[in-house]
Amino acid sequence: RQAIAKNAGVQTDAGMVVGIDEFNAMAEAAKTASRQQEVLQADLDVQHRQMQDAQQQSSSYATKARAALIDALRQATNLERATNRGKLAVDMTRLGRPIIQRRGATVTEGFEEGSAFRELRLK
C-alpha cells in the first residue's frame, strides 16, 4: 500500500499528499511566479537607475541655476554700484567736492562749491 501511495501522490513540504499532476502544476506555477519575480525585479532595477539619473540631472540643473542666479545678482549689484557712482558724481558737482591744494611743500584741504551753492549765494 505504501508503494502504491508513493506512486499515486507526492508529499509536499507542508505535509500534504497531492497527485503527480497537481504537483507538476504547482511546480510550473512556482517557476512562472519566479520568472515573473525576475522580470519585476529587472523592471524595478531599470526604474531605480532612471530615478538616479533623473536625480543627478536635477541636481545638475539646480547647480547650474544657482550659478546663473549668483551671476545675475552680481551683475545687478555691479550695475547698481555704477548707477550710484554716477548719481554721486552728478551730486558732487551740484553740491561741491573736497579738494586737495598744494602750495609749495604744504598740502591743504579745501572745498570747491558746486552749482547749487553758487545759485544759492546769488539769490
C-alpha atoms as a PDB file:
ATOM      1  CA  ARG A   1       0.000   0.000   0.000  1.00  0.00           C
ATOM      2  CA  GLN A   2       2.786   2.416   0.784  1.00  0.00           C
ATOM      3  CA  ALA A   3       4.426   1.827  -2.605  1.00  0.00           C
ATOM      4  CA  ILE A   4       1.097   2.446  -4.339  1.00  0.00           C
ATOM      5  CA  ALA A   5       0.572   5.603  -2.276  1.00  0.00           C
ATOM      6  CA  LYS A   6       4.055   6.835  -3.178  1.00  0.00           C
ATOM      7  CA  ASN A   7       3.408   6.291  -6.862  1.00  0.00           C
ATOM      8  CA  ALA A   8      -0.031   7.849  -6.674  1.00  0.00           C
ATOM      9  CA  GLY A   9       0.990  11.005  -4.868  1.00  0.00           C
ATOM     10  CA  VAL A  10       3.822  13.206  -3.671  1.00  0.00           C
ATOM     11  CA  GLN A  11       4.216  14.588  -0.165  1.00  0.00           C
ATOM     12  CA  THR A  12       4.877  18.366  -0.146  1.00  0.00           C
ATOM     13  CA  ASP A  13       6.883  20.400   2.347  1.00  0.00           C
ATOM     14  CA  ALA A  14       3.647  21.319   4.079  1.00  0.00           C
ATOM     15  CA  GLY A  15       2.946  17.607   4.679  1.00  0.00           C
ATOM     16  CA  MET A  16       0.112  17.394   2.136  1.00  0.00           C
ATOM     17  CA  VAL A  17      -0.122  14.482  -0.219  1.00  0.00           C
ATOM     18  CA  VAL A  18      -1.082  15.572  -3.731  1.00  0.00           C
ATOM     19  CA  GLY A  19      -1.309  13.858  -7.079  1.00  0.00           C
ATOM     20  CA  ILE A  20       1.559  13.998  -9.555  1.00  0.00           C
ATOM     21  CA  ASP A  21      -0.396  16.173 -11.985  1.00  0.00           C
ATOM     22  CA  GLU A  22      -1.194  18.616  -9.204  1.00  0.00           C
ATOM     23  CA  PHE A  23       2.433  18.583  -8.093  1.00  0.00           C
ATOM     24  CA  ASN A  24       3.647  19.296 -11.640  1.00  0.00           C
ATOM     25  CA  ALA A  25       1.108  22.116 -11.933  1.00  0.00           C
ATOM     26  CA  MET A  26       2.280  23.573  -8.626  1.00  0.00           C
ATOM     27  CA  ALA A  27       5.932  23.312  -9.722  1.00  0.00           C
ATOM     28  CA  GLU A  28       5.125  25.038 -13.017  1.00  0.00           C
ATOM     29  CA  ALA A  29       3.213  27.774 -11.169  1.00  0.00           C
ATOM     30  CA  ALA A  30       6.235  28.258  -8.883  1.00  0.00           C
ATOM     31  CA  LYS A  31       8.541  28.551 -11.920  1.00  0.00           C
ATOM     32  CA  THR A  32       6.172  31.040 -13.547  1.00  0.00           C
ATOM     33  CA  ALA A  33       5.997  33.083 -10.339  1.00  0.00           C
ATOM     34  CA  SER A  34       9.792  33.001 -10.110  1.00  0.00           C
ATOM     35  CA  ARG A  35      10.115  34.260 -13.717  1.00  0.00           C
ATOM     36  CA  GLN A  36       7.577  36.990 -13.052  1.00  0.00           C
ATOM     37  CA  GLN A  37       9.521  37.993  -9.955  1.00  0.00           C
ATOM     38  CA  GLU A  38      12.732  38.180 -12.006  1.00  0.00           C
ATOM     39  CA  VAL A  39      11.010  40.332 -14.637  1.00  0.00           C
ATOM     40  CA  LEU A  40       9.566  42.618 -11.971  1.00  0.00           C
ATOM     41  CA  GLN A  41      12.967  42.884 -10.274  1.00  0.00           C
ATOM     42  CA  ALA A  42      14.595  43.779 -13.611  1.00  0.00           C
ATOM     43  CA  ASP A  43      11.911  46.449 -14.192  1.00  0.00           C
ATOM     44  CA  LEU A  44      12.474  47.752 -10.683  1.00  0.00           C
ATOM     45  CA  ASP A  45      16.234  47.943 -11.311  1.00  0.00           C
ATOM     46  CA  VAL A  46      15.651  49.855 -14.559  1.00  0.00           C
ATOM     47  CA  GLN A  47      13.284  52.288 -12.834  1.00  0.00           C
ATOM     48  CA  HIS A  48      15.773  52.734  -9.986  1.00  0.00           C
ATOM     49  CA  ARG A  49      18.547  53.581 -12.469  1.00  0.00           C
ATOM     50  CA  GLN A  50      16.236  56.001 -14.282  1.00  0.00           C
ATOM     51  CA  MET A  51      15.340  57.669 -10.979  1.00  0.00           C
ATOM     52  CA  GLN A  52      19.018  58.027 -10.066  1.00  0.00           C
ATOM     53  CA  ASP A  53      19.753  59.547 -13.483  1.00  0.00           C
ATOM     54  CA  ALA A  54      16.847  61.966 -13.073  1.00  0.00           C
ATOM     55  CA  GLN A  55      18.089  62.952  -9.605  1.00  0.00           C
ATOM     56  CA  GLN A  56      21.596  63.574 -10.940  1.00  0.00           C
ATOM     57  CA  GLN A  57      20.219  65.610 -13.822  1.00  0.00           C
ATOM     58  CA  SER A  58      18.001  67.582 -11.453  1.00  0.00           C
ATOM     59  CA  SER A  59      20.955  68.215  -9.169  1.00  0.00           C
ATOM     60  CA  SER A  60      22.997  69.345 -12.173  1.00  0.00           C
ATOM     61  CA  TYR A  61      20.226  71.722 -13.270  1.00  0.00           C
ATOM     62  CA  ALA A  62      19.911  73.085  -9.730  1.00  0.00           C
ATOM     63  CA  THR A  63      23.664  73.727  -9.576  1.00  0.00           C
ATOM     64  CA  LYS A  64      23.620  75.473 -12.945  1.00  0.00           C
ATOM     65  CA  ALA A  65      20.559  77.528 -11.974  1.00  0.00           C
ATOM     66  CA  ARG A  66      22.200  78.514  -8.671  1.00  0.00           C
ATOM     67  CA  ALA A  67      25.363  79.606 -10.518  1.00  0.00           C
ATOM     68  CA  ALA A  68      23.315  81.587 -13.055  1.00  0.00           C
ATOM     69  CA  LEU A  69      21.360  83.284 -10.253  1.00  0.00           C
ATOM     70  CA  ILE A  70      24.556  84.237  -8.418  1.00  0.00           C
ATOM     71  CA  ASP A  71      25.998  85.622 -11.662  1.00  0.00           C
ATOM     72  CA  ALA A  72      22.831  87.619 -12.355  1.00  0.00           C
ATOM     73  CA  LEU A  73      22.821  89.029  -8.809  1.00  0.00           C
ATOM     74  CA  ARG A  74      26.476  90.030  -9.135  1.00  0.00           C
ATOM     75  CA  GLN A  75      25.773  91.781 -12.420  1.00  0.00           C
ATOM     76  CA  ALA A  76      22.784  93.579 -10.905  1.00  0.00           C
ATOM     77  CA  THR A  77      24.910  94.676  -7.944  1.00  0.00           C
ATOM     78  CA  ASN A  78      27.654  95.952 -10.239  1.00  0.00           C
ATOM     79  CA  LEU A  79      25.095  97.877 -12.296  1.00  0.00           C
ATOM     80  CA  GLU A  80      23.601  99.370  -9.128  1.00  0.00           C
ATOM     81  CA  ARG A  81      27.061 100.413  -7.941  1.00  0.00           C
ATOM     82  CA  ALA A  82      27.810 102.063 -11.276  1.00  0.00           C
ATOM     83  CA  THR A  83      24.473 103.875 -11.178  1.00  0.00           C
ATOM     84  CA  ASN A  84      25.097 105.081  -7.619  1.00  0.00           C
ATOM     85  CA  ARG A  85      28.596 106.260  -8.565  1.00  0.00           C
ATOM     86  CA  GLY A  86      27.129 108.210 -11.470  1.00  0.00           C
ATOM     87  CA  LYS A  87      24.485 109.824  -9.240  1.00  0.00           C
ATOM     88  CA  LEU A  88      27.119 110.652  -6.660  1.00  0.00           C
ATOM     89  CA  ALA A  89      29.342 112.241  -9.297  1.00  0.00           C
ATOM     90  CA  VAL A  90      26.445 114.403 -10.505  1.00  0.00           C
ATOM     91  CA  ASP A  91      25.508 115.368  -6.941  1.00  0.00           C
ATOM     92  CA  MET A  92      29.121 116.224  -6.121  1.00  0.00           C
ATOM     93  CA  THR A  93      29.321 118.692  -8.988  1.00  0.00           C
ATOM     94  CA  ARG A  94      25.979 120.157  -7.948  1.00  0.00           C
ATOM     95  CA  LEU A  95      26.763 120.469  -4.229  1.00  0.00           C
ATOM     96  CA  GLY A  96      30.525 120.649  -4.246  1.00  0.00           C
ATOM     97  CA  ARG A  97      33.519 118.483  -3.582  1.00  0.00           C
ATOM     98  CA  PRO A  98      36.518 118.332  -1.303  1.00  0.00           C
ATOM     99  CA  ILE A  99      39.790 119.229  -2.987  1.00  0.00           C
ATOM    100  CA  ILE A 100      43.439 118.998  -2.023  1.00  0.00           C
ATOM    101  CA  GLN A 101      45.570 122.052  -2.791  1.00  0.00           C
ATOM    102  CA  ARG A 102      49.340 122.153  -2.900  1.00  0.00           C
ATOM    103  CA  ARG A 103      51.181 125.338  -2.223  1.00  0.00           C
ATOM    104  CA  GLY A 104      54.842 124.667  -2.332  1.00  0.00           C
ATOM    105  CA  ALA A 105      55.678 121.992   0.217  1.00  0.00           C
ATOM    106  CA  THR A 106      52.393 122.306   2.110  1.00  0.00           C
ATOM    107  CA  VAL A 107      49.221 120.460   1.315  1.00  0.00           C
ATOM    108  CA  THR A 108      45.839 121.839   2.403  1.00  0.00           C
ATOM    109  CA  GLU A 109      42.343 120.565   2.050  1.00  0.00           C
ATOM    110  CA  GLY A 110      39.616 122.777   0.731  1.00  0.00           C
ATOM    111  CA  PHE A 111      36.063 122.649  -0.575  1.00  0.00           C
ATOM    112  CA  GLU A 112      35.034 123.661  -4.064  1.00  0.00           C
ATOM    113  CA  GLU A 113      31.422 124.830  -4.117  1.00  0.00           C
ATOM    114  CA  GLY A 114      29.088 123.274  -6.613  1.00  0.00           C
ATOM    115  CA  SER A 115      26.428 124.882  -8.794  1.00  0.00           C
ATOM    116  CA  ALA A 116      23.675 124.647  -6.157  1.00  0.00           C
ATOM    117  CA  PHE A 117      25.688 126.655  -3.599  1.00  0.00           C
ATOM    118  CA  ARG A 118      26.632 129.227  -6.239  1.00  0.00           C
ATOM    119  CA  GLU A 119      22.977 129.694  -7.179  1.00  0.00           C
ATOM    120  CA  LEU A 120      22.021 129.993  -3.513  1.00  0.00           C
ATOM    121  CA  ARG A 121      24.681 132.677  -2.965  1.00  0.00           C
ATOM    122  CA  LEU A 122      23.426 134.672  -5.983  1.00  0.00           C
ATOM    123  CA  LYS A 123      19.828 134.751  -4.679  1.00  0.00           C
END
